[in-house]
């Protein structure tokens, strides 16, 4: 989905990168990540990512988010954190782009949903972080207040009274 190449053309390239030990493939049949590729070295991943132009990185993040939303459909709530990450990264790559407002709103919504999901799973620290990130992406005082309040409730659950009061 990200490369635009047909799967038949992409498979030999990925196989060659695995053989050259640039990438690895998760082969454990019990792993939920089975079949996923990843860089063997963080430095190589970093260099590969940084050689892309900011507009290209933005486009790839948006393409990844679009692909995941299409593929997961109604079950996207299970990966809302991943979607939030892609939209947030896309916005941060080119924050002054013509479509930045739309991407920022999508990132904010996905971060809010990620916060709600984390809260429902009793992951208060993560929920607080998602709500705070979402709050940073809004200029509307009432929306900001709502998100700060949710973050404060999560801080309270974590026993962080001073943080909760501050939020």
N, C-alpha and C. Protein backbone atom coordinates (compact mmCIF):
# COMPACT_ATOMS: atom_id res chain seq x y z
N UNK A 1 0.82 -1.20 0.00
CA UNK A 1 0.00 0.00 0.00
C UNK A 1 0.86 1.26 0.00
N UNK A 2 2.01 1.21 0.67
CA UNK A 2 2.86 2.39 0.74
C UNK A 2 3.73 2.59 -0.48
N UNK A 3 4.12 1.50 -1.10
CA UNK A 3 5.03 1.63 -2.24
C UNK A 3 4.32 1.81 -3.56
N UNK A 4 3.09 1.33 -3.66
CA UNK A 4 2.37 1.36 -4.92
C UNK A 4 2.77 0.23 -5.85
N UNK A 5 3.67 -0.63 -5.38
CA UNK A 5 4.10 -1.77 -6.19
C UNK A 5 3.13 -2.93 -6.03
N UNK A 6 2.94 -3.71 -7.09
CA UNK A 6 2.14 -4.92 -6.95
C UNK A 6 2.84 -5.89 -5.99
N UNK A 7 2.06 -6.68 -5.27
CA UNK A 7 2.62 -7.59 -4.28
C UNK A 7 3.65 -8.54 -4.89
N UNK A 8 3.40 -8.96 -6.13
CA UNK A 8 4.33 -9.87 -6.80
C UNK A 8 5.69 -9.24 -7.04
N UNK A 9 5.73 -7.92 -7.26
CA UNK A 9 7.00 -7.22 -7.46
C UNK A 9 7.69 -6.91 -6.13
N UNK A 10 6.91 -6.73 -5.10
CA UNK A 10 7.46 -6.35 -3.81
C UNK A 10 8.08 -7.54 -3.07
N UNK A 11 7.48 -8.70 -3.18
CA UNK A 11 7.94 -9.88 -2.44
C UNK A 11 9.42 -10.21 -2.69
N UNK A 12 9.91 -10.23 -3.94
CA UNK A 12 11.34 -10.52 -4.15
C UNK A 12 12.26 -9.46 -3.53
N UNK A 13 11.82 -8.21 -3.53
CA UNK A 13 12.63 -7.16 -2.91
C UNK A 13 12.73 -7.37 -1.40
N UNK A 14 11.62 -7.70 -0.77
CA UNK A 14 11.63 -7.94 0.67
C UNK A 14 12.46 -9.18 1.01
N UNK A 15 12.34 -10.22 0.20
CA UNK A 15 13.12 -11.44 0.42
C UNK A 15 14.61 -11.15 0.33
N UNK A 16 14.99 -10.32 -0.64
CA UNK A 16 16.40 -9.97 -0.80
C UNK A 16 16.89 -9.17 0.41
N UNK A 17 16.07 -8.27 0.93
CA UNK A 17 16.47 -7.48 2.10
C UNK A 17 16.58 -8.35 3.36
N UNK A 18 15.76 -9.37 3.45
CA UNK A 18 15.88 -10.32 4.57
C UNK A 18 17.16 -11.12 4.42
N UNK A 19 17.44 -11.58 3.20
CA UNK A 19 18.64 -12.38 2.95
C UNK A 19 19.91 -11.55 3.25
N UNK A 20 19.87 -10.25 2.95
CA UNK A 20 21.03 -9.37 3.20
C UNK A 20 21.06 -8.88 4.65
N UNK A 21 20.12 -9.35 5.46
CA UNK A 21 20.02 -9.01 6.87
C UNK A 21 19.82 -7.52 7.13
N UNK A 22 19.07 -6.90 6.23
CA UNK A 22 18.63 -5.52 6.43
C UNK A 22 17.32 -5.56 7.19
N UNK A 23 16.44 -6.47 6.79
CA UNK A 23 15.15 -6.66 7.43
C UNK A 23 15.07 -8.05 8.03
N UNK A 24 14.14 -8.20 8.95
CA UNK A 24 13.80 -9.53 9.46
C UNK A 24 12.30 -9.70 9.29
N UNK A 25 11.86 -10.93 9.32
CA UNK A 25 10.43 -11.21 9.23
C UNK A 25 10.04 -12.03 10.45
N UNK A 26 8.95 -11.66 11.06
CA UNK A 26 8.45 -12.38 12.23
C UNK A 26 7.85 -13.70 11.75
N UNK A 27 8.42 -14.80 12.16
CA UNK A 27 8.00 -16.11 11.66
C UNK A 27 7.28 -16.96 12.70
N UNK A 28 7.26 -16.53 13.95
CA UNK A 28 6.63 -17.32 15.01
C UNK A 28 5.13 -17.44 14.74
N UNK A 29 4.63 -18.67 14.54
CA UNK A 29 3.21 -18.84 14.20
C UNK A 29 2.27 -18.42 15.33
N UNK A 30 2.77 -18.31 16.56
CA UNK A 30 1.93 -17.88 17.68
C UNK A 30 1.91 -16.37 17.86
N UNK A 31 2.76 -15.66 17.16
CA UNK A 31 2.89 -14.22 17.34
C UNK A 31 1.83 -13.47 16.54
N UNK A 32 1.20 -12.44 17.14
CA UNK A 32 0.26 -11.62 16.38
C UNK A 32 0.97 -10.79 15.30
N UNK A 33 2.30 -10.65 15.42
CA UNK A 33 3.08 -9.92 14.43
C UNK A 33 3.59 -10.81 13.30
N UNK A 34 3.16 -12.05 13.28
CA UNK A 34 3.63 -13.00 12.26
C UNK A 34 3.47 -12.41 10.86
N UNK A 35 4.54 -12.50 10.08
CA UNK A 35 4.52 -12.00 8.70
C UNK A 35 4.94 -10.54 8.58
N UNK A 36 5.20 -9.87 9.69
CA UNK A 36 5.60 -8.46 9.64
C UNK A 36 7.11 -8.35 9.48
N UNK A 37 7.51 -7.35 8.71
CA UNK A 37 8.92 -7.08 8.49
C UNK A 37 9.37 -5.96 9.42
N UNK A 38 10.63 -5.99 9.79
CA UNK A 38 11.20 -4.94 10.61
C UNK A 38 12.69 -4.83 10.35
N UNK A 39 13.23 -3.65 10.58
CA UNK A 39 14.67 -3.45 10.42
C UNK A 39 15.40 -4.20 11.52
N UNK A 40 16.54 -4.77 11.18
CA UNK A 40 17.36 -5.46 12.17
C UNK A 40 18.15 -4.47 13.02
N UNK A 41 18.47 -3.32 12.46
CA UNK A 41 19.26 -2.32 13.19
C UNK A 41 18.50 -1.00 13.22
N UNK A 42 18.39 -0.44 14.41
CA UNK A 42 17.70 0.84 14.57
C UNK A 42 18.38 1.95 13.78
N UNK A 43 19.70 1.92 13.73
CA UNK A 43 20.42 2.97 13.01
C UNK A 43 20.05 2.95 11.53
N UNK A 44 19.95 1.77 10.96
CA UNK A 44 19.59 1.65 9.55
C UNK A 44 18.16 2.15 9.32
N UNK A 45 17.25 1.81 10.24
CA UNK A 45 15.87 2.28 10.15
C UNK A 45 15.84 3.81 10.21
N UNK A 46 16.62 4.37 11.14
CA UNK A 46 16.68 5.81 11.30
C UNK A 46 17.19 6.49 10.02
N UNK A 47 18.27 5.96 9.47
CA UNK A 47 18.84 6.54 8.25
C UNK A 47 17.85 6.44 7.09
N UNK A 48 17.22 5.28 6.95
CA UNK A 48 16.24 5.11 5.86
C UNK A 48 15.10 6.11 6.00
N UNK A 49 14.61 6.30 7.21
CA UNK A 49 13.50 7.22 7.45
C UNK A 49 13.93 8.66 7.20
N UNK A 50 15.10 9.02 7.69
CA UNK A 50 15.57 10.40 7.59
C UNK A 50 15.97 10.79 6.17
N UNK A 51 16.21 9.81 5.30
CA UNK A 51 16.56 10.16 3.91
C UNK A 51 15.32 10.53 3.10
N UNK A 52 14.14 10.23 3.63
CA UNK A 52 12.92 10.64 2.95
C UNK A 52 12.66 12.13 3.22
N UNK A 53 12.19 12.83 2.20
CA UNK A 53 11.81 14.23 2.39
C UNK A 53 10.60 14.30 3.31
N UNK A 54 10.45 15.41 4.01
CA UNK A 54 9.35 15.55 4.97
C UNK A 54 7.99 15.33 4.30
N UNK A 55 7.83 15.86 3.11
CA UNK A 55 6.55 15.67 2.40
C UNK A 55 6.32 14.20 2.07
N UNK A 56 7.39 13.49 1.77
CA UNK A 56 7.28 12.05 1.47
C UNK A 56 6.95 11.27 2.74
N UNK A 57 7.58 11.62 3.85
CA UNK A 57 7.25 10.95 5.12
C UNK A 57 5.80 11.20 5.49
N UNK A 58 5.36 12.43 5.31
CA UNK A 58 3.96 12.77 5.59
C UNK A 58 3.04 11.91 4.73
N UNK A 59 3.34 11.83 3.45
CA UNK A 59 2.50 11.04 2.53
C UNK A 59 2.48 9.57 2.93
N UNK A 60 3.61 9.04 3.37
CA UNK A 60 3.68 7.63 3.78
C UNK A 60 2.87 7.39 5.06
N UNK A 61 2.95 8.33 6.00
CA UNK A 61 2.16 8.18 7.23
C UNK A 61 0.66 8.21 6.91
N UNK A 62 0.27 9.12 6.03
CA UNK A 62 -1.15 9.20 5.66
C UNK A 62 -1.59 7.95 4.90
N UNK A 63 -0.72 7.44 4.04
CA UNK A 63 -1.05 6.21 3.30
C UNK A 63 -1.18 5.03 4.25
N UNK A 64 -0.30 4.96 5.24
CA UNK A 64 -0.37 3.87 6.23
C UNK A 64 -1.67 3.96 7.02
N UNK A 65 -2.02 5.16 7.46
CA UNK A 65 -3.26 5.33 8.22
C UNK A 65 -4.47 4.97 7.37
N UNK A 66 -4.47 5.42 6.13
CA UNK A 66 -5.58 5.11 5.22
C UNK A 66 -5.71 3.61 5.01
N UNK A 67 -4.60 2.95 4.78
CA UNK A 67 -4.59 1.50 4.58
C UNK A 67 -5.14 0.78 5.82
N UNK A 68 -4.65 1.16 6.98
CA UNK A 68 -5.10 0.51 8.21
C UNK A 68 -6.58 0.73 8.46
N UNK A 69 -7.06 1.93 8.21
CA UNK A 69 -8.49 2.20 8.40
C UNK A 69 -9.34 1.36 7.45
N UNK A 70 -8.90 1.25 6.21
CA UNK A 70 -9.64 0.43 5.23
C UNK A 70 -9.60 -1.05 5.61
N UNK A 71 -8.42 -1.54 5.97
CA UNK A 71 -8.28 -2.97 6.27
C UNK A 71 -8.97 -3.39 7.57
N UNK A 72 -8.91 -2.54 8.58
CA UNK A 72 -9.48 -2.91 9.87
C UNK A 72 -10.96 -2.58 9.95
N UNK A 73 -11.42 -1.60 9.18
CA UNK A 73 -12.84 -1.26 9.14
C UNK A 73 -13.40 -1.00 10.53
N UNK A 74 -14.52 -1.65 10.84
CA UNK A 74 -15.18 -1.41 12.13
C UNK A 74 -14.32 -1.80 13.34
N UNK A 75 -13.33 -2.63 13.15
CA UNK A 75 -12.47 -3.04 14.27
C UNK A 75 -11.30 -2.08 14.49
N UNK A 76 -11.32 -0.92 13.82
CA UNK A 76 -10.19 0.01 13.92
C UNK A 76 -9.96 0.50 15.34
N UNK A 77 -10.97 0.40 16.22
CA UNK A 77 -10.77 0.84 17.61
C UNK A 77 -9.64 0.06 18.28
N UNK A 78 -9.35 -1.13 17.77
CA UNK A 78 -8.28 -1.94 18.34
C UNK A 78 -6.89 -1.41 18.00
N UNK A 79 -6.80 -0.59 16.96
CA UNK A 79 -5.50 -0.06 16.55
C UNK A 79 -5.50 1.47 16.53
N UNK A 80 -6.42 2.07 17.27
CA UNK A 80 -6.56 3.52 17.24
C UNK A 80 -5.26 4.22 17.66
N UNK A 81 -4.47 3.60 18.52
CA UNK A 81 -3.20 4.19 18.94
C UNK A 81 -2.23 4.29 17.76
N UNK A 82 -2.24 3.26 16.93
CA UNK A 82 -1.36 3.26 15.75
C UNK A 82 -1.81 4.33 14.76
N UNK A 83 -3.12 4.42 14.56
CA UNK A 83 -3.65 5.45 13.66
C UNK A 83 -3.31 6.84 14.18
N UNK A 84 -3.47 7.05 15.48
CA UNK A 84 -3.15 8.35 16.07
C UNK A 84 -1.69 8.69 15.82
N UNK A 85 -0.82 7.72 15.98
CA UNK A 85 0.61 7.93 15.78
C UNK A 85 0.90 8.36 14.34
N UNK A 86 0.28 7.68 13.37
CA UNK A 86 0.51 8.03 11.97
C UNK A 86 -0.01 9.44 11.64
N UNK A 87 -1.21 9.77 12.12
CA UNK A 87 -1.74 11.11 11.85
C UNK A 87 -0.92 12.19 12.54
N UNK A 88 -0.49 11.93 13.77
CA UNK A 88 0.32 12.90 14.49
C UNK A 88 1.66 13.11 13.80
N UNK A 89 2.30 12.03 13.38
CA UNK A 89 3.57 12.15 12.66
C UNK A 89 3.39 12.87 11.33
N UNK A 90 2.31 12.58 10.63
CA UNK A 90 2.04 13.25 9.35
C UNK A 90 1.88 14.75 9.57
N UNK A 91 1.15 15.13 10.59
CA UNK A 91 0.96 16.55 10.89
C UNK A 91 2.30 17.21 11.26
N UNK A 92 3.07 16.56 12.10
CA UNK A 92 4.34 17.14 12.56
C UNK A 92 5.37 17.28 11.44
N UNK A 93 5.29 16.44 10.42
CA UNK A 93 6.25 16.52 9.32
C UNK A 93 6.13 17.84 8.56
N UNK A 94 4.88 18.26 8.28
CA UNK A 94 4.67 19.50 7.52
C UNK A 94 3.50 20.25 8.17
N UNK A 95 3.74 20.89 9.32
CA UNK A 95 2.65 21.53 10.05
C UNK A 95 2.07 22.77 9.38
N UNK A 96 2.75 23.30 8.37
CA UNK A 96 2.23 24.48 7.68
C UNK A 96 1.65 24.13 6.31
N UNK A 97 1.42 22.84 6.05
CA UNK A 97 0.85 22.42 4.77
C UNK A 97 -0.60 22.88 4.66
N UNK A 98 -1.08 22.90 3.45
CA UNK A 98 -2.45 23.33 3.19
C UNK A 98 -3.47 22.46 3.92
N UNK A 99 -3.20 21.18 4.01
CA UNK A 99 -4.14 20.25 4.65
C UNK A 99 -3.80 19.96 6.11
N UNK A 100 -2.92 20.77 6.68
CA UNK A 100 -2.46 20.52 8.06
C UNK A 100 -3.60 20.58 9.07
N UNK A 101 -4.53 21.49 8.89
CA UNK A 101 -5.65 21.61 9.83
C UNK A 101 -6.49 20.34 9.86
N UNK A 102 -6.74 19.79 8.70
CA UNK A 102 -7.52 18.56 8.59
C UNK A 102 -6.78 17.38 9.24
N UNK A 103 -5.49 17.28 8.98
CA UNK A 103 -4.68 16.20 9.54
C UNK A 103 -4.58 16.36 11.07
N UNK A 104 -4.41 17.59 11.51
CA UNK A 104 -4.32 17.88 12.94
C UNK A 104 -5.62 17.46 13.64
N UNK A 105 -6.76 17.77 13.03
CA UNK A 105 -8.05 17.40 13.61
C UNK A 105 -8.20 15.89 13.67
N UNK A 106 -7.75 15.20 12.64
CA UNK A 106 -7.82 13.74 12.62
C UNK A 106 -6.91 13.15 13.70
N UNK A 107 -5.71 13.72 13.84
CA UNK A 107 -4.79 13.26 14.89
C UNK A 107 -5.40 13.48 16.26
N UNK A 108 -5.99 14.65 16.47
CA UNK A 108 -6.61 14.96 17.76
C UNK A 108 -7.73 13.97 18.08
N UNK A 109 -8.57 13.69 17.10
CA UNK A 109 -9.68 12.74 17.30
C UNK A 109 -9.17 11.34 17.60
N UNK A 110 -8.16 10.90 16.88
CA UNK A 110 -7.61 9.56 17.12
C UNK A 110 -6.92 9.49 18.49
N UNK A 111 -6.24 10.57 18.89
CA UNK A 111 -5.62 10.59 20.21
C UNK A 111 -6.69 10.55 21.31
N UNK A 112 -7.78 11.28 21.10
CA UNK A 112 -8.88 11.24 22.07
C UNK A 112 -9.43 9.83 22.19
N UNK A 113 -9.66 9.19 21.04
CA UNK A 113 -10.18 7.82 21.04
C UNK A 113 -9.17 6.85 21.66
N UNK A 114 -7.88 7.08 21.41
CA UNK A 114 -6.85 6.24 22.01
C UNK A 114 -6.88 6.41 23.53
N UNK A 115 -7.08 7.63 23.99
CA UNK A 115 -7.19 7.88 25.43
C UNK A 115 -8.38 7.16 26.03
N UNK A 116 -9.50 7.19 25.34
CA UNK A 116 -10.70 6.50 25.84
C UNK A 116 -10.48 4.99 25.87
N UNK A 117 -9.84 4.48 24.84
CA UNK A 117 -9.57 3.03 24.82
C UNK A 117 -8.63 2.64 25.95
N UNK A 118 -7.56 3.41 26.12
CA UNK A 118 -6.61 3.11 27.19
C UNK A 118 -7.30 3.19 28.56
N UNK A 119 -8.17 4.19 28.74
CA UNK A 119 -8.89 4.32 30.01
C UNK A 119 -9.78 3.11 30.24
N UNK A 120 -10.41 2.61 29.17
CA UNK A 120 -11.29 1.45 29.31
C UNK A 120 -10.52 0.18 29.65
N UNK A 121 -9.22 0.19 29.36
CA UNK A 121 -8.36 -0.96 29.66
C UNK A 121 -7.58 -0.75 30.96
N UNK A 122 -7.95 0.28 31.72
CA UNK A 122 -7.30 0.62 32.99
C UNK A 122 -5.83 0.98 32.80
N UNK A 123 -5.48 1.52 31.65
CA UNK A 123 -4.13 1.99 31.38
C UNK A 123 -4.12 3.51 31.55
N UNK A 124 -4.21 3.96 32.80
CA UNK A 124 -4.38 5.38 33.09
C UNK A 124 -3.21 6.24 32.62
N UNK A 125 -1.99 5.74 32.76
CA UNK A 125 -0.82 6.52 32.33
C UNK A 125 -0.89 6.81 30.83
N UNK A 126 -1.18 5.76 30.05
CA UNK A 126 -1.27 5.94 28.60
C UNK A 126 -2.45 6.83 28.24
N UNK A 127 -3.57 6.63 28.91
CA UNK A 127 -4.76 7.45 28.64
C UNK A 127 -4.46 8.92 28.90
N UNK A 128 -3.81 9.19 30.02
CA UNK A 128 -3.46 10.57 30.34
C UNK A 128 -2.58 11.18 29.25
N UNK A 129 -1.59 10.41 28.82
CA UNK A 129 -0.68 10.91 27.78
C UNK A 129 -1.43 11.20 26.48
N UNK A 130 -2.33 10.30 26.07
CA UNK A 130 -3.10 10.52 24.84
C UNK A 130 -3.99 11.75 24.96
N UNK A 131 -4.67 11.91 26.09
CA UNK A 131 -5.55 13.06 26.28
C UNK A 131 -4.74 14.36 26.26
N UNK A 132 -3.57 14.35 26.89
CA UNK A 132 -2.73 15.55 26.90
C UNK A 132 -2.23 15.88 25.49
N UNK A 133 -1.84 14.86 24.75
CA UNK A 133 -1.39 15.11 23.37
C UNK A 133 -2.53 15.67 22.54
N UNK A 134 -3.73 15.14 22.71
CA UNK A 134 -4.89 15.64 21.97
C UNK A 134 -5.16 17.09 22.34
N UNK A 135 -5.06 17.42 23.63
CA UNK A 135 -5.30 18.80 24.09
C UNK A 135 -4.32 19.78 23.46
N UNK A 136 -3.08 19.34 23.27
CA UNK A 136 -2.07 20.21 22.66
C UNK A 136 -2.39 20.53 21.20
N UNK A 137 -3.26 19.74 20.59
CA UNK A 137 -3.56 19.93 19.17
C UNK A 137 -4.84 20.73 18.93
N UNK A 138 -5.36 21.39 19.97
CA UNK A 138 -6.57 22.17 19.76
C UNK A 138 -6.37 23.62 20.16
N UNK A 139 -7.06 24.50 19.46
CA UNK A 139 -7.06 25.92 19.77
C UNK A 139 -8.38 26.33 20.40
N UNK A 140 -9.33 25.39 20.49
CA UNK A 140 -10.65 25.68 21.04
C UNK A 140 -10.63 25.49 22.55
N UNK A 141 -10.87 26.56 23.32
CA UNK A 141 -10.77 26.47 24.78
C UNK A 141 -11.67 25.39 25.41
N UNK A 142 -12.89 25.23 24.94
CA UNK A 142 -13.78 24.23 25.54
C UNK A 142 -13.31 22.81 25.26
N UNK A 143 -12.83 22.57 24.06
CA UNK A 143 -12.30 21.24 23.72
C UNK A 143 -11.05 20.98 24.54
N UNK A 144 -10.21 21.99 24.66
CA UNK A 144 -8.99 21.86 25.46
C UNK A 144 -9.33 21.54 26.91
N UNK A 145 -10.32 22.24 27.44
CA UNK A 145 -10.73 22.01 28.83
C UNK A 145 -11.24 20.59 29.02
N UNK A 146 -12.03 20.10 28.06
CA UNK A 146 -12.57 18.74 28.16
C UNK A 146 -11.44 17.70 28.16
N UNK A 147 -10.48 17.89 27.27
CA UNK A 147 -9.36 16.94 27.18
C UNK A 147 -8.45 17.03 28.40
N UNK A 148 -8.22 18.24 28.89
CA UNK A 148 -7.42 18.39 30.11
C UNK A 148 -8.12 17.74 31.30
N UNK A 149 -9.44 17.89 31.36
CA UNK A 149 -10.19 17.25 32.46
C UNK A 149 -10.05 15.73 32.39
N UNK A 150 -10.16 15.17 31.19
CA UNK A 150 -10.00 13.72 31.05
C UNK A 150 -8.59 13.29 31.46
N UNK A 151 -7.60 14.07 31.06
CA UNK A 151 -6.22 13.76 31.46
C UNK A 151 -6.09 13.85 32.98
N UNK A 152 -6.73 14.86 33.57
CA UNK A 152 -6.70 15.01 35.02
C UNK A 152 -7.34 13.84 35.75
N UNK A 153 -8.42 13.33 35.20
CA UNK A 153 -9.08 12.16 35.81
C UNK A 153 -8.14 10.95 35.77
N UNK A 154 -7.40 10.83 34.68
CA UNK A 154 -6.46 9.71 34.57
C UNK A 154 -5.30 9.88 35.55
N UNK A 155 -4.84 11.12 35.73
CA UNK A 155 -3.79 11.38 36.71
C UNK A 155 -4.30 11.03 38.11
N UNK A 156 -5.54 11.38 38.40
CA UNK A 156 -6.13 11.06 39.71
C UNK A 156 -6.17 9.56 39.93
N UNK A 157 -6.55 8.81 38.89
CA UNK A 157 -6.58 7.34 38.99
C UNK A 157 -5.19 6.78 39.30
N UNK A 158 -4.18 7.46 38.83
CA UNK A 158 -2.80 7.00 39.04
C UNK A 158 -2.27 7.45 40.38
N UNK A 159 -3.08 8.18 41.16
CA UNK A 159 -2.61 8.67 42.44
C UNK A 159 -1.74 9.89 42.34
N UNK A 160 -1.85 10.62 41.27
CA UNK A 160 -1.06 11.84 41.04
C UNK A 160 -1.95 13.06 41.27
N UNK A 161 -2.24 13.31 42.53
CA UNK A 161 -3.17 14.39 42.89
C UNK A 161 -2.75 15.75 42.39
N UNK A 162 -1.46 16.10 42.54
CA UNK A 162 -0.98 17.42 42.10
C UNK A 162 -1.14 17.58 40.59
N UNK A 163 -0.79 16.54 39.84
CA UNK A 163 -0.97 16.58 38.39
C UNK A 163 -2.44 16.72 38.04
N UNK A 164 -3.28 15.95 38.73
CA UNK A 164 -4.72 15.98 38.46
C UNK A 164 -5.29 17.38 38.68
N UNK A 165 -4.92 18.00 39.80
CA UNK A 165 -5.41 19.35 40.09
C UNK A 165 -4.91 20.33 39.04
N UNK A 166 -3.66 20.22 38.65
CA UNK A 166 -3.09 21.09 37.63
C UNK A 166 -3.82 20.97 36.30
N UNK A 167 -4.17 19.76 35.94
CA UNK A 167 -4.86 19.57 34.68
C UNK A 167 -6.30 20.03 34.77
